[in-house]
Amino acid sequence: MGIDIIWLLPIHPIGITNRKGSLGSPYSIKDFRAINPEYGTMNDFHRLVSEIHRLGMKLMIDIVYRHTSHDCSWVKEHPEWYIRDEKDNAICLIPQWTDILDLKFEGNETTLWPELIDILKFWCEHGVDGFRMDVASCVPMEFWRQARRSVTEANPRCIWLAESSWFSAMKSYRDQNGLVHTDAELYETFDVCYDYDLYVAWRAAVQEAIPIKSYLELVRLQTFIYPKDFIKMRFVENHDQDRIAHICRDNPWKALAWTGHLRFIKY
């Protein structure tokens, strides 16, 4: 199939407190340096890494640095690392995400930041070749600069993929005076950004709400607003969006055509 990079969604233990459903969300992380026992052990992970490398492929893992689970040890050990309300309760700024608490980057540059950077270096030491940074656009750029410099010392060839934001999400964050970076800013430290800025237009073109030519004009526009050698991760589906089979449910041949030359495959 020509696959050369395998990207794993979060592999860490999932929080128990306020867990959603019986399985919980892998994005509600309890321990960033451990393997979810439902998946195996660290030795199992090492065997996986070795086999991936033996086959000539690379391994990327998901990194979730905007929040933690409610029962992450940091909640008690470092309460100052969390955004808090007027009653001094740790909170998540998105109310429906009841299983997580948001980290506070501002004011914790000498304590939280080094810990997060050390975690990245820890996984590099365990053979990881790259990271997909969850909600990267909502984490301070200065943190990403420091993290990239430090990780580069451990692994100069480490791959950095940013989950950037689409326009409606960016507007919502900014309307609430929240931090959110553009893709152009993220390219300062990231090798690849999500193609969320064109996802809505792409989906409209697939469903024939707009001409495909209009979508392609937007693709060409990207070459004028991003750095010269920018790379976009274009996709027809991911774990946050509908399957292409659903989008094209009335025309399976169209779904097949759109996935024929896909660079990103979801399992």
C-alpha atoms as a PDB file:
ATOM      1  CA  MET A   1       0.000   0.000   0.000  1.00  0.00           C
ATOM      2  CA  GLY A   2       3.006   2.298   0.178  1.00  0.00           C
ATOM      3  CA  ILE A   3       2.433   3.291   3.810  1.00  0.00           C
ATOM      4  CA  ASP A   4       5.581   4.733   5.378  1.00  0.00           C
ATOM      5  CA  ILE A   5       4.313   6.382   8.581  1.00  0.00           C
ATOM      6  CA  ILE A   6       1.978   4.935  11.209  1.00  0.00           C
ATOM      7  CA  TRP A   7       0.275   7.453  13.500  1.00  0.00           C
ATOM      8  CA  LEU A   8      -1.287   6.220  16.740  1.00  0.00           C
ATOM      9  CA  LEU A   9      -4.027   8.112  18.550  1.00  0.00           C
ATOM     10  CA  PRO A  10      -3.293   8.671  22.275  1.00  0.00           C
ATOM     11  CA  ILE A  11      -1.735   5.556  23.796  1.00  0.00           C
ATOM     12  CA  HIS A  12      -1.805   6.661  27.442  1.00  0.00           C
ATOM     13  CA  PRO A  13      -3.993   5.591  30.403  1.00  0.00           C
ATOM     14  CA  ILE A  14      -7.444   7.191  30.278  1.00  0.00           C
ATOM     15  CA  GLY A  15      -8.827   9.012  33.308  1.00  0.00           C
ATOM     16  CA  ILE A  16     -11.515   7.351  35.433  1.00  0.00           C
ATOM     17  CA  THR A  17     -13.030  10.424  37.109  1.00  0.00           C
ATOM     18  CA  ASN A  18     -15.842  11.906  34.974  1.00  0.00           C
ATOM     19  CA  ARG A  19     -15.061   9.330  32.280  1.00  0.00           C
ATOM     20  CA  LYS A  20     -17.390   9.443  29.285  1.00  0.00           C
ATOM     21  CA  GLY A  21     -19.010   6.059  28.836  1.00  0.00           C
ATOM     22  CA  SER A  22     -17.377   2.810  29.859  1.00  0.00           C
ATOM     23  CA  LEU A  23     -14.270   3.216  27.703  1.00  0.00           C
ATOM     24  CA  GLY A  24     -13.627   6.936  28.052  1.00  0.00           C
ATOM     25  CA  SER A  25     -11.873   9.242  25.613  1.00  0.00           C
ATOM     26  CA  PRO A  26      -8.191   8.648  24.820  1.00  0.00           C
ATOM     27  CA  TYR A  27      -7.866  12.441  24.850  1.00  0.00           C
ATOM     28  CA  SER A  28      -8.573  12.466  28.611  1.00  0.00           C
ATOM     29  CA  ILE A  29      -5.065  11.509  29.681  1.00  0.00           C
ATOM     30  CA  LYS A  30      -4.091  10.428  33.175  1.00  0.00           C
ATOM     31  CA  ASP A  31      -0.362   9.751  32.714  1.00  0.00           C
ATOM     32  CA  PHE A  32       1.598  11.085  29.740  1.00  0.00           C
ATOM     33  CA  ARG A  33       4.586   8.779  30.280  1.00  0.00           C
ATOM     34  CA  ALA A  34       2.685   5.484  30.476  1.00  0.00           C
ATOM     35  CA  ILE A  35       0.964   3.038  28.125  1.00  0.00           C
ATOM     36  CA  ASN A  36      -2.756   2.354  28.491  1.00  0.00           C
ATOM     37  CA  PRO A  37      -2.829  -1.173  30.015  1.00  0.00           C
ATOM     38  CA  GLU A  38      -5.741  -2.009  27.703  1.00  0.00           C
ATOM     39  CA  TYR A  39      -3.254  -1.703  24.828  1.00  0.00           C
ATOM     40  CA  GLY A  40      -0.328  -3.496  26.444  1.00  0.00           C
ATOM     41  CA  THR A  41       2.908  -2.663  28.253  1.00  0.00           C
ATOM     42  CA  MET A  42       5.930  -0.518  27.528  1.00  0.00           C
ATOM     43  CA  ASN A  43       7.715  -3.673  26.386  1.00  0.00           C
ATOM     44  CA  ASP A  44       4.891  -4.278  23.907  1.00  0.00           C
ATOM     45  CA  PHE A  45       5.338  -0.718  22.676  1.00  0.00           C
ATOM     46  CA  HIS A  46       9.070  -1.286  22.214  1.00  0.00           C
ATOM     47  CA  ARG A  47       8.349  -4.397  20.149  1.00  0.00           C
ATOM     48  CA  LEU A  48       5.900  -2.413  18.020  1.00  0.00           C
ATOM     49  CA  VAL A  49       8.457   0.341  17.443  1.00  0.00           C
ATOM     50  CA  SER A  50      11.122  -2.196  16.504  1.00  0.00           C
ATOM     51  CA  GLU A  51       8.854  -3.957  14.013  1.00  0.00           C
ATOM     52  CA  ILE A  52       7.724  -0.676  12.431  1.00  0.00           C
ATOM     53  CA  HIS A  53      11.341   0.388  12.003  1.00  0.00           C
ATOM     54  CA  ARG A  54      12.340  -3.053  10.693  1.00  0.00           C
ATOM     55  CA  LEU A  55       9.743  -2.661   7.957  1.00  0.00           C
ATOM     56  CA  GLY A  56      11.208   0.702   6.981  1.00  0.00           C
ATOM     57  CA  MET A  57       8.380   2.788   8.410  1.00  0.00           C
ATOM     58  CA  LYS A  58       8.203   5.533  11.021  1.00  0.00           C
ATOM     59  CA  LEU A  59       5.956   5.890  14.072  1.00  0.00           C
ATOM     60  CA  MET A  60       4.126   9.037  15.165  1.00  0.00           C
ATOM     61  CA  ILE A  61       2.046   9.370  18.324  1.00  0.00           C
ATOM     62  CA  ASP A  62      -0.657  11.794  19.371  1.00  0.00           C
ATOM     63  CA  ILE A  63       0.320  14.421  21.957  1.00  0.00           C
ATOM     64  CA  VAL A  64      -2.457  16.171  23.886  1.00  0.00           C
ATOM     65  CA  TYR A  65      -1.156  19.260  25.665  1.00  0.00           C
ATOM     66  CA  ARG A  66      -4.203  21.461  26.060  1.00  0.00           C
ATOM     67  CA  HIS A  67      -5.726  19.441  28.896  1.00  0.00           C
ATOM     68  CA  THR A  68      -5.549  16.377  31.168  1.00  0.00           C
ATOM     69  CA  SER A  69      -8.010  14.046  32.864  1.00  0.00           C
ATOM     70  CA  HIS A  70      -9.521  15.024  36.224  1.00  0.00           C
ATOM     71  CA  ASP A  71      -7.449  12.378  38.005  1.00  0.00           C
ATOM     72  CA  CYS A  72      -4.087  13.191  36.455  1.00  0.00           C
ATOM     73  CA  SER A  73      -1.576  13.503  39.313  1.00  0.00           C
ATOM     74  CA  TRP A  74      -0.845  17.094  38.298  1.00  0.00           C
ATOM     75  CA  VAL A  75      -4.302  18.195  39.464  1.00  0.00           C
ATOM     76  CA  LYS A  76      -3.251  17.699  43.105  1.00  0.00           C
ATOM     77  CA  GLU A  77       0.505  18.115  42.781  1.00  0.00           C
ATOM     78  CA  HIS A  78       0.419  21.269  40.639  1.00  0.00           C
ATOM     79  CA  PRO A  79      -3.000  22.936  40.919  1.00  0.00           C
ATOM     80  CA  GLU A  80      -1.443  26.143  39.577  1.00  0.00           C
ATOM     81  CA  TRP A  81      -0.985  24.423  36.208  1.00  0.00           C
ATOM     82  CA  TYR A  82      -4.743  24.553  35.529  1.00  0.00           C
ATOM     83  CA  ILE A  83      -7.171  27.237  34.429  1.00  0.00           C
ATOM     84  CA  ARG A  84      -9.440  28.006  37.366  1.00  0.00           C
ATOM     85  CA  ASP A  85     -12.798  29.733  37.809  1.00  0.00           C
ATOM     86  CA  GLU A  86     -13.761  32.443  40.287  1.00  0.00           C
ATOM     87  CA  LYS A  87     -14.252  29.773  42.962  1.00  0.00           C
ATOM     88  CA  ASP A  88     -10.730  28.429  42.338  1.00  0.00           C
ATOM     89  CA  ASN A  89     -11.986  25.215  40.734  1.00  0.00           C
ATOM     90  CA  ALA A  90      -9.989  23.736  37.864  1.00  0.00           C
ATOM     91  CA  ILE A  91     -12.155  23.889  34.738  1.00  0.00           C
ATOM     92  CA  CYS A  92     -12.413  23.152  31.045  1.00  0.00           C
ATOM     93  CA  LEU A  93     -13.325  26.177  28.929  1.00  0.00           C
ATOM     94  CA  ILE A  94     -15.520  24.016  26.673  1.00  0.00           C
ATOM     95  CA  PRO A  95     -18.421  22.978  28.964  1.00  0.00           C
ATOM     96  CA  GLN A  96     -19.390  19.801  27.088  1.00  0.00           C
ATOM     97  CA  TRP A  97     -15.890  18.362  27.570  1.00  0.00           C
ATOM     98  CA  THR A  98     -16.677  17.275  31.109  1.00  0.00           C
ATOM     99  CA  ASP A  99     -13.946  14.636  31.313  1.00  0.00           C
ATOM    100  CA  ILE A 100     -10.978  17.019  31.046  1.00  0.00           C
ATOM    101  CA  LEU A 101      -9.390  20.062  32.724  1.00  0.00           C
ATOM    102  CA  ASP A 102      -7.535  22.756  30.775  1.00  0.00           C
ATOM    103  CA  LEU A 103      -3.852  23.446  31.354  1.00  0.00           C
ATOM    104  CA  LYS A 104      -2.696  27.022  31.978  1.00  0.00           C
ATOM    105  CA  PHE A 105       0.429  27.823  29.978  1.00  0.00           C
ATOM    106  CA  GLU A 106       0.670  31.477  30.957  1.00  0.00           C
ATOM    107  CA  GLY A 107       2.642  31.976  34.166  1.00  0.00           C
ATOM    108  CA  ASN A 108       3.951  28.399  34.219  1.00  0.00           C
ATOM    109  CA  GLU A 109       6.814  28.810  31.770  1.00  0.00           C
ATOM    110  CA  THR A 110       9.455  27.559  34.238  1.00  0.00           C
ATOM    111  CA  THR A 111       7.503  24.610  35.648  1.00  0.00           C
ATOM    112  CA  LEU A 112       4.834  23.201  33.322  1.00  0.00           C
ATOM    113  CA  TRP A 113       6.656  23.904  30.063  1.00  0.00           C
ATOM    114  CA  PRO A 114       9.843  21.946  30.937  1.00  0.00           C
ATOM    115  CA  GLU A 115       7.710  18.998  32.082  1.00  0.00           C
ATOM    116  CA  LEU A 116       5.809  18.909  28.782  1.00  0.00           C
ATOM    117  CA  ILE A 117       9.033  19.198  26.796  1.00  0.00           C
ATOM    118  CA  ASP A 118      10.646  16.395  28.818  1.00  0.00           C
ATOM    119  CA  ILE A 119       7.688  14.159  27.949  1.00  0.00           C
ATOM    120  CA  LEU A 120       8.354  14.687  24.236  1.00  0.00           C
ATOM    121  CA  LYS A 121      12.028  13.822  24.723  1.00  0.00           C
ATOM    122  CA  PHE A 122      10.990  10.771  26.761  1.00  0.00           C
ATOM    123  CA  TRP A 123       9.019   9.369  23.842  1.00  0.00           C
ATOM    124  CA  CYS A 124      11.832  10.185  21.409  1.00  0.00           C
ATOM    125  CA  GLU A 125      14.086   8.060  23.615  1.00  0.00           C
ATOM    126  CA  HIS A 126      11.549   5.243  23.274  1.00  0.00           C
ATOM    127  CA  GLY A 127      11.820   5.308  19.489  1.00  0.00           C
ATOM    128  CA  VAL A 128       9.017   7.654  18.417  1.00  0.00           C
ATOM    129  CA  ASP A 129       9.778   9.422  15.121  1.00  0.00           C
ATOM    130  CA  GLY A 130       7.212  12.215  15.234  1.00  0.00           C
ATOM    131  CA  PHE A 131       4.275  13.828  16.976  1.00  0.00           C
ATOM    132  CA  ARG A 132       0.787  14.922  15.994  1.00  0.00           C
ATOM    133  CA  MET A 133      -0.001  17.825  18.328  1.00  0.00           C
ATOM    134  CA  ASP A 134      -3.656  17.953  19.329  1.00  0.00           C
ATOM    135  CA  VAL A 135      -5.264  21.420  19.097  1.00  0.00           C
ATOM    136  CA  ALA A 136      -1.815  22.861  18.343  1.00  0.00           C
ATOM    137  CA  SER A 137      -3.265  26.227  17.362  1.00  0.00           C
ATOM    138  CA  CYS A 138      -4.486  26.821  20.936  1.00  0.00           C
ATOM    139  CA  VAL A 139      -1.077  26.369  22.584  1.00  0.00           C
ATOM    140  CA  PRO A 140       1.326  29.358  22.818  1.00  0.00           C
ATOM    141  CA  MET A 141       3.783  29.638  19.935  1.00  0.00           C
ATOM    142  CA  GLU A 142       6.653  30.361  22.304  1.00  0.00           C
ATOM    143  CA  PHE A 143       6.079  26.982  23.929  1.00  0.00           C
ATOM    144  CA  TRP A 144       6.212  25.286  20.537  1.00  0.00           C
ATOM    145  CA  ARG A 145       9.443  27.132  19.692  1.00  0.00           C
ATOM    146  CA  GLN A 146      11.118  25.987  22.894  1.00  0.00           C
ATOM    147  CA  ALA A 147       9.798  22.450  22.498  1.00  0.00           C
ATOM    148  CA  ARG A 148      10.970  22.169  18.892  1.00  0.00           C
ATOM    149  CA  ARG A 149      14.464  23.397  19.742  1.00  0.00           C
ATOM    150  CA  SER A 150      14.786  20.950  22.631  1.00  0.00           C
ATOM    151  CA  VAL A 151      13.353  17.945  20.796  1.00  0.00           C
ATOM    152  CA  THR A 152      15.546  18.645  17.769  1.00  0.00           C
ATOM    153  CA  GLU A 153      18.575  18.106  19.998  1.00  0.00           C
ATOM    154  CA  ALA A 154      17.233  14.634  20.851  1.00  0.00           C
ATOM    155  CA  ASN A 155      15.983  13.774  17.363  1.00  0.00           C
ATOM    156  CA  PRO A 156      16.841  16.209  14.539  1.00  0.00           C
ATOM    157  CA  ARG A 157      14.581  14.302  12.125  1.00  0.00           C
ATOM    158  CA  CYS A 158      11.490  14.322  14.351  1.00  0.00           C
ATOM    159  CA  ILE A 159       8.289  15.014  12.383  1.00  0.00           C
ATOM    160  CA  TRP A 160       5.921  17.699  13.703  1.00  0.00           C
ATOM    161  CA  LEU A 161       2.265  17.647  12.618  1.00  0.00           C
ATOM    162  CA  ALA A 162      -0.123  20.345  13.861  1.00  0.00           C
ATOM    163  CA  GLU A 163      -3.841  19.871  14.263  1.00  0.00           C
ATOM    164  CA  SER A 164      -4.627  23.398  13.165  1.00  0.00           C
ATOM    165  CA  SER A 165      -8.096  24.968  13.348  1.00  0.00           C
ATOM    166  CA  TRP A 166     -10.729  25.774  10.794  1.00  0.00           C
ATOM    167  CA  PHE A 167     -12.201  29.231  10.390  1.00  0.00           C
ATOM    168  CA  SER A 168     -15.382  28.802  12.437  1.00  0.00           C
ATOM    169  CA  ALA A 169     -13.424  27.390  15.388  1.00  0.00           C
ATOM    170  CA  MET A 170     -10.883  30.214  15.184  1.00  0.00           C
ATOM    171  CA  LYS A 171     -13.657  32.813  15.176  1.00  0.00           C
ATOM    172  CA  SER A 172     -15.322  31.157  18.174  1.00  0.00           C
ATOM    173  CA  TYR A 173     -12.064  31.116  20.158  1.00  0.00           C
ATOM    174  CA  ARG A 174     -11.283  34.736  19.319  1.00  0.00           C
ATOM    175  CA  ASP A 175     -14.812  35.897  20.106  1.00  0.00           C
ATOM    176  CA  GLN A 176     -14.132  34.580  23.625  1.00  0.00           C
ATOM    177  CA  ASN A 177     -10.681  36.241  23.704  1.00  0.00           C
ATOM    178  CA  GLY A 178      -9.120  32.799  23.479  1.00  0.00           C
ATOM    179  CA  LEU A 179      -5.690  31.977  22.069  1.00  0.00           C
ATOM    180  CA  VAL A 180      -5.668  30.546  18.553  1.00  0.00           C
ATOM    181  CA  HIS A 181      -2.908  30.640  15.938  1.00  0.00           C
ATOM    182  CA  THR A 182      -3.226  30.632  12.173  1.00  0.00           C
ATOM    183  CA  ASP A 183      -1.616  27.965  10.023  1.00  0.00           C
ATOM    184  CA  ALA A 184       0.854  30.577   8.755  1.00  0.00           C
ATOM    185  CA  GLU A 185       2.062  31.073  12.339  1.00  0.00           C
ATOM    186  CA  LEU A 186       2.223  27.343  13.063  1.00  0.00           C
ATOM    187  CA  TYR A 187       4.499  26.707  10.096  1.00  0.00           C
ATOM    188  CA  GLU A 188       7.258  28.467  12.037  1.00  0.00           C
ATOM    189  CA  THR A 189       7.707  25.309  14.120  1.00  0.00           C
ATOM    190  CA  PHE A 190       5.619  22.597  12.424  1.00  0.00           C
ATOM    191  CA  ASP A 191       6.458  20.583   9.330  1.00  0.00           C
ATOM    192  CA  VAL A 192       2.848  19.804   8.422  1.00  0.00           C
ATOM    193  CA  CYS A 193      -0.541  21.369   9.216  1.00  0.00           C
ATOM    194  CA  TYR A 194      -4.027  19.937   8.868  1.00  0.00           C
ATOM    195  CA  ASP A 195      -5.952  21.134   5.825  1.00  0.00           C
ATOM    196  CA  TYR A 196      -8.891  22.227   7.949  1.00  0.00           C
ATOM    197  CA  ASP A 197      -8.863  25.690   6.369  1.00  0.00           C
ATOM    198  CA  LEU A 198     -10.204  24.094   3.170  1.00  0.00           C
ATOM    199  CA  TYR A 199     -12.090  21.129   4.611  1.00  0.00           C
ATOM    200  CA  VAL A 200     -15.490  22.843   4.486  1.00  0.00           C
ATOM    201  CA  ALA A 201     -14.910  23.900   0.871  1.00  0.00           C
ATOM    202  CA  TRP A 202     -13.684  20.410  -0.049  1.00  0.00           C
ATOM    203  CA  ARG A 203     -16.758  18.787   1.475  1.00  0.00           C
ATOM    204  CA  ALA A 204     -19.017  21.264  -0.324  1.00  0.00           C
ATOM    205  CA  ALA A 205     -17.316  20.379  -3.606  1.00  0.00           C
ATOM    206  CA  VAL A 206     -17.712  16.643  -2.977  1.00  0.00           C
ATOM    207  CA  GLN A 207     -21.415  17.144  -2.306  1.00  0.00           C
ATOM    208  CA  GLU A 208     -21.659  19.399  -5.389  1.00  0.00           C
ATOM    209  CA  ALA A 209     -22.733  22.435  -3.376  1.00  0.00           C
ATOM    210  CA  ILE A 210     -19.905  24.366  -5.064  1.00  0.00           C
ATOM    211  CA  PRO A 211     -18.011  23.651  -8.308  1.00  0.00           C
ATOM    212  CA  ILE A 212     -14.815  21.639  -7.911  1.00  0.00           C
ATOM    213  CA  LYS A 213     -13.083  24.508  -9.732  1.00  0.00           C
ATOM    214  CA  SER A 214     -13.898  26.827  -6.817  1.00  0.00           C
ATOM    215  CA  TYR A 215     -12.246  24.413  -4.403  1.00  0.00           C
ATOM    216  CA  LEU A 216      -9.148  24.126  -6.593  1.00  0.00           C
ATOM    217  CA  GLU A 217      -8.855  27.917  -6.726  1.00  0.00           C
ATOM    218  CA  LEU A 218      -8.669  27.916  -2.920  1.00  0.00           C
ATOM    219  CA  VAL A 219      -5.984  25.213  -3.059  1.00  0.00           C
ATOM    220  CA  ARG A 220      -3.953  27.450  -5.362  1.00  0.00           C
ATOM    221  CA  LEU A 221      -4.520  30.405  -3.037  1.00  0.00           C
ATOM    222  CA  GLN A 222      -2.729  28.499  -0.268  1.00  0.00           C
ATOM    223  CA  THR A 223       0.513  28.753  -2.244  1.00  0.00           C
ATOM    224  CA  PHE A 224       0.397  32.536  -1.830  1.00  0.00           C
ATOM    225  CA  ILE A 225      -0.386  32.736   1.896  1.00  0.00           C
ATOM    226  CA  TYR A 226       1.817  29.978   3.348  1.00  0.00           C
ATOM    227  CA  PRO A 227       5.614  29.521   3.341  1.00  0.00           C
ATOM    228  CA  LYS A 228       7.239  28.376   0.110  1.00  0.00           C
ATOM    229  CA  ASP A 229       7.685  24.723   1.040  1.00  0.00           C
ATOM    230  CA  PHE A 230       4.539  24.303   3.146  1.00  0.00           C
ATOM    231  CA  ILE A 231       2.983  20.853   3.494  1.00  0.00           C
ATOM    232  CA  LYS A 232      -0.729  20.318   4.083  1.00  0.00           C
ATOM    233  CA  MET A 233      -2.173  17.059   5.370  1.00  0.00           C
ATOM    234  CA  ARG A 234      -5.138  16.695   3.039  1.00  0.00           C
ATOM    235  CA  PHE A 235      -7.677  14.051   3.984  1.00  0.00           C
ATOM    236  CA  VAL A 236     -11.163  12.883   3.130  1.00  0.00           C
ATOM    237  CA  GLU A 237     -11.813  11.711   6.696  1.00  0.00           C
ATOM    238  CA  ASN A 238     -10.212  11.523  10.123  1.00  0.00           C
ATOM    239  CA  HIS A 239     -11.257  10.425  13.596  1.00  0.00           C
ATOM    240  CA  ASP A 240     -13.106  13.726  14.167  1.00  0.00           C
ATOM    241  CA  GLN A 241     -15.004  13.844  10.861  1.00  0.00           C
ATOM    242  CA  ASP A 242     -17.507  11.749   8.937  1.00  0.00           C
ATOM    243  CA  ARG A 243     -16.380   8.782   6.892  1.00  0.00           C
ATOM    244  CA  ILE A 244     -16.175   9.391   3.141  1.00  0.00           C
ATOM    245  CA  ALA A 245     -18.649   6.516   2.735  1.00  0.00           C
ATOM    246  CA  HIS A 246     -21.173   8.603   4.677  1.00  0.00           C
ATOM    247  CA  ILE A 247     -20.437  11.834   2.819  1.00  0.00           C
ATOM    248  CA  CYS A 248     -20.856  10.014  -0.515  1.00  0.00           C
ATOM    249  CA  ARG A 249     -23.439   7.499   0.671  1.00  0.00           C
ATOM    250  CA  ASP A 250     -25.535   7.950  -2.489  1.00  0.00           C
ATOM    251  CA  ASN A 251     -22.556   7.479  -4.799  1.00  0.00           C
ATOM    252  CA  PRO A 252     -19.987   4.873  -3.701  1.00  0.00           C
ATOM    253  CA  TRP A 253     -18.026   5.359  -6.929  1.00  0.00           C
ATOM    254  CA  LYS A 254     -17.397   8.960  -5.936  1.00  0.00           C
ATOM    255  CA  ALA A 255     -16.089   7.805  -2.553  1.00  0.00           C
ATOM    256  CA  LEU A 256     -13.774   5.377  -4.331  1.00  0.00           C
ATOM    257  CA  ALA A 257     -12.501   8.113  -6.646  1.00  0.00           C
ATOM    258  CA  TRP A 258     -11.685  10.456  -3.763  1.00  0.00           C
ATOM    259  CA  THR A 259      -9.788   7.763  -1.863  1.00  0.00           C
ATOM    260  CA  GLY A 260      -7.895   6.428  -4.884  1.00  0.00           C
ATOM    261  CA  HIS A 261      -4.786   8.561  -4.336  1.00  0.00           C
ATOM    262  CA  LEU A 262      -5.162   9.241  -0.637  1.00  0.00           C
ATOM    263  CA  ARG A 263      -2.067  10.065   1.415  1.00  0.00           C
ATOM    264  CA  PHE A 264      -3.815   9.701   4.771  1.00  0.00           C
ATOM    265  CA  ILE A 265      -5.705   6.502   5.622  1.00  0.00           C
ATOM    266  CA  LYS A 266      -7.794   6.017   8.783  1.00  0.00           C
ATOM    267  CA  TYR A 267      -8.259   2.629  10.446  1.00  0.00           C
END
